[in-house]
Amino acid sequence: MQPKIKIPLTITDKILEIIGVLLLLFFWVYTIYHYKELPEIIPTHFGAEGKPDGYGNKWTIFSLPAVSAIMYVGITIAIQFPHRFNYLVTITQENAEKQYLLVTRLFRIMKLTVLATFFLLDFQTIQIALGQPDIFGRWFLLLVFAMIFVPLFYFLIQSSKNA
């Protein structure tokens, strides 16, 4: 059984949490603001090239901020239980605080990544639905993969160093 210890929020953690809440609020405000401008049918799915290949009713635009909010809350709850996570190293009383701090920081960054990714999808959907140019195109998928995997690999490396 891994030790249960309370991990205090650092300044960095507090800043990440504030940015996350503000981004989630901005996401909802942006979506609600543009909803009335949208046509009745909007893109709901994009292929690898960044081109729409699925369409649906405009109310589906709310699915992205809703799923983001649910994931944000779920990850926020999960962060409260770092002793239940799986780690690359054996957790001992000596390394628990450092490992827990790393994993909770990773989860906070992943919350921001999920929010940013879903916001970019929402932004792209609204832009294309309103006849604006697609600014991401085929680079969107690469951007999303980079946003997810760069922090993940960084923290995996840090975790193995701080065993």
Protein backbone atom coordinates (compact mmCIF):
# COMPACT_ATOMS: atom_id res chain seq x y z
CA MET A 1 0.00 0.00 0.00
CA GLN A 2 1.33 3.43 -0.96
CA PRO A 3 1.60 6.07 1.76
CA LYS A 4 -1.22 8.59 2.05
CA ILE A 5 0.17 12.08 2.41
CA LYS A 6 -1.31 15.48 1.77
CA ILE A 7 0.44 17.37 -1.03
CA PRO A 8 0.27 21.13 -0.44
CA LEU A 9 -0.43 23.36 -3.43
CA THR A 10 2.63 25.23 -4.62
CA ILE A 11 2.40 28.64 -6.28
CA THR A 12 2.75 26.90 -9.65
CA ASP A 13 -0.12 24.54 -8.81
CA LYS A 14 -2.33 27.45 -7.75
CA ILE A 15 -1.54 29.30 -10.98
CA LEU A 16 -2.34 26.20 -13.05
CA GLU A 17 -5.67 25.81 -11.22
CA ILE A 18 -6.59 29.47 -11.74
CA ILE A 19 -5.69 29.29 -15.44
CA GLY A 20 -7.78 26.13 -15.75
CA VAL A 21 -10.88 27.67 -14.17
CA LEU A 22 -10.51 30.84 -16.26
CA LEU A 23 -10.05 28.83 -19.46
CA LEU A 24 -13.12 26.71 -18.70
CA LEU A 25 -15.21 29.83 -18.03
CA PHE A 26 -13.89 31.51 -21.19
CA PHE A 27 -14.69 28.34 -23.16
CA TRP A 28 -18.34 28.47 -22.06
CA VAL A 29 -18.65 32.23 -22.62
CA TYR A 30 -17.11 31.95 -26.10
CA THR A 31 -19.43 29.12 -27.08
CA ILE A 32 -22.57 30.78 -25.73
CA TYR A 33 -21.64 34.10 -27.33
CA HIS A 34 -21.25 32.57 -30.81
CA TYR A 35 -24.18 30.17 -30.59
CA LYS A 36 -26.76 32.64 -31.92
CA GLU A 37 -24.59 33.38 -34.99
CA LEU A 38 -24.22 29.74 -36.01
CA PRO A 39 -26.19 28.22 -38.88
CA GLU A 40 -28.59 25.39 -38.00
CA ILE A 41 -26.13 22.76 -39.32
CA ILE A 42 -22.49 22.89 -38.22
CA PRO A 43 -19.42 20.65 -38.59
CA THR A 44 -19.29 18.03 -35.84
CA HIS A 45 -16.27 16.00 -36.91
CA PHE A 46 -13.02 16.69 -38.71
CA GLY A 47 -10.86 14.24 -40.65
CA ALA A 48 -7.08 13.94 -40.46
CA GLU A 49 -6.68 16.71 -43.04
CA GLY A 50 -8.67 19.10 -40.85
CA LYS A 51 -11.67 19.13 -43.18
CA PRO A 52 -15.20 18.61 -41.82
CA ASP A 53 -16.54 15.14 -42.55
CA GLY A 54 -19.55 15.10 -40.21
CA TYR A 55 -22.35 17.59 -39.60
CA GLY A 56 -25.08 18.06 -37.02
CA ASN A 57 -27.44 20.48 -35.34
CA LYS A 58 -25.92 23.67 -33.94
CA TRP A 59 -26.81 22.77 -30.35
CA THR A 60 -24.09 20.09 -30.54
CA ILE A 61 -21.58 22.94 -30.11
CA PHE A 62 -22.29 22.67 -26.37
CA SER A 63 -21.03 19.08 -26.21
CA LEU A 64 -17.37 20.17 -26.22
CA PRO A 65 -17.55 22.56 -23.25
CA ALA A 66 -19.82 20.09 -21.40
CA VAL A 67 -17.43 17.16 -21.84
CA SER A 68 -14.52 19.47 -20.94
CA ALA A 69 -16.22 20.53 -17.73
CA ILE A 70 -16.97 16.91 -16.75
CA MET A 71 -13.37 15.87 -17.48
CA TYR A 72 -12.03 18.90 -15.60
CA VAL A 73 -14.05 18.04 -12.51
CA GLY A 74 -13.14 14.35 -12.78
CA ILE A 75 -9.42 15.05 -13.03
CA THR A 76 -9.67 17.57 -10.19
CA ILE A 77 -11.22 14.89 -7.99
CA ALA A 78 -8.64 12.27 -9.06
CA ILE A 79 -5.79 14.60 -8.08
CA GLN A 80 -6.96 14.35 -4.48
CA PHE A 81 -5.92 10.65 -4.39
CA PRO A 82 -2.35 10.41 -5.73
CA HIS A 83 -1.70 7.37 -3.50
CA ARG A 84 -4.08 5.37 -5.72
CA PHE A 85 -2.22 6.01 -8.98
CA ASN A 86 0.20 3.67 -10.69
CA TYR A 87 3.82 4.82 -10.85
CA LEU A 88 6.93 3.82 -12.77
CA VAL A 89 8.79 3.42 -9.50
CA THR A 90 7.95 1.83 -6.17
CA ILE A 91 6.49 4.46 -3.88
CA THR A 92 8.10 4.63 -0.48
CA GLN A 93 7.74 7.03 2.42
CA GLU A 94 10.96 8.71 1.21
CA ASN A 95 9.93 9.36 -2.40
CA ALA A 96 6.15 9.65 -2.02
CA GLU A 97 5.98 13.42 -1.70
CA LYS A 98 8.16 14.05 -4.76
CA GLN A 99 6.34 11.44 -6.88
CA TYR A 100 2.90 12.66 -5.79
CA LEU A 101 3.87 16.25 -6.53
CA LEU A 102 5.03 15.23 -10.01
CA VAL A 103 1.89 13.28 -10.83
CA THR A 104 -0.49 15.92 -9.51
CA ARG A 105 1.37 18.56 -11.52
CA LEU A 106 1.11 16.34 -14.62
CA PHE A 107 -2.64 15.98 -14.06
CA ARG A 108 -3.04 19.75 -13.69
CA ILE A 109 -1.20 20.29 -16.96
CA MET A 110 -3.26 17.56 -18.62
CA LYS A 111 -6.44 19.34 -17.45
CA LEU A 112 -5.22 22.46 -19.25
CA THR A 113 -4.29 20.39 -22.30
CA VAL A 114 -7.74 18.80 -22.47
CA LEU A 115 -9.40 22.20 -22.09
CA ALA A 116 -7.15 23.81 -24.70
CA THR A 117 -7.66 20.94 -27.16
CA PHE A 118 -11.43 21.00 -26.81
CA PHE A 119 -11.48 24.78 -26.99
CA LEU A 120 -9.46 24.68 -30.23
CA LEU A 121 -11.94 22.15 -31.64
CA ASP A 122 -14.80 24.43 -30.62
CA PHE A 123 -13.02 27.44 -32.11
CA GLN A 124 -12.35 25.60 -35.37
CA THR A 125 -15.95 24.40 -35.56
CA ILE A 126 -17.33 27.90 -35.03
CA GLN A 127 -14.89 29.47 -37.50
CA ILE A 128 -15.74 26.99 -40.26
CA ALA A 129 -19.49 27.14 -39.52
CA LEU A 130 -19.34 30.93 -39.88
CA GLY A 131 -17.46 30.67 -43.18
CA GLN A 132 -14.14 31.85 -41.76
CA PRO A 133 -10.86 30.33 -42.99
CA ASP A 134 -9.52 27.20 -41.34
CA ILE A 135 -6.36 28.40 -39.62
CA PHE A 136 -5.15 24.98 -38.43
CA GLY A 137 -5.74 22.62 -41.36
CA ARG A 138 -3.69 19.46 -41.25
CA TRP A 139 -1.49 20.88 -38.47
CA PHE A 140 -4.31 20.58 -35.96
CA LEU A 141 -3.76 16.88 -35.32
CA LEU A 142 -0.02 17.38 -34.86
CA LEU A 143 -0.69 20.25 -32.46
CA VAL A 144 -3.04 18.11 -30.38
CA PHE A 145 -0.57 15.20 -30.21
CA ALA A 146 2.22 17.58 -29.18
CA MET A 147 0.05 19.17 -26.48
CA ILE A 148 -0.72 15.75 -25.02
CA PHE A 149 2.52 13.81 -25.41
CA VAL A 150 5.21 16.44 -24.74
CA PRO A 151 4.10 17.03 -21.12
CA LEU A 152 3.44 13.32 -20.62
CA PHE A 153 6.93 12.28 -21.74
CA TYR A 154 8.52 15.11 -19.78
CA PHE A 155 6.84 13.99 -16.56
CA LEU A 156 7.59 10.31 -17.20
CA ILE A 157 11.28 11.19 -17.54
CA GLN A 158 11.16 13.37 -14.42
CA SER A 159 9.40 10.62 -12.49
CA SER A 160 12.05 8.04 -13.35
CA LYS A 161 14.84 10.52 -12.43
CA ASN A 162 13.29 11.29 -9.06
CA ALA A 163 12.82 7.72 -7.94
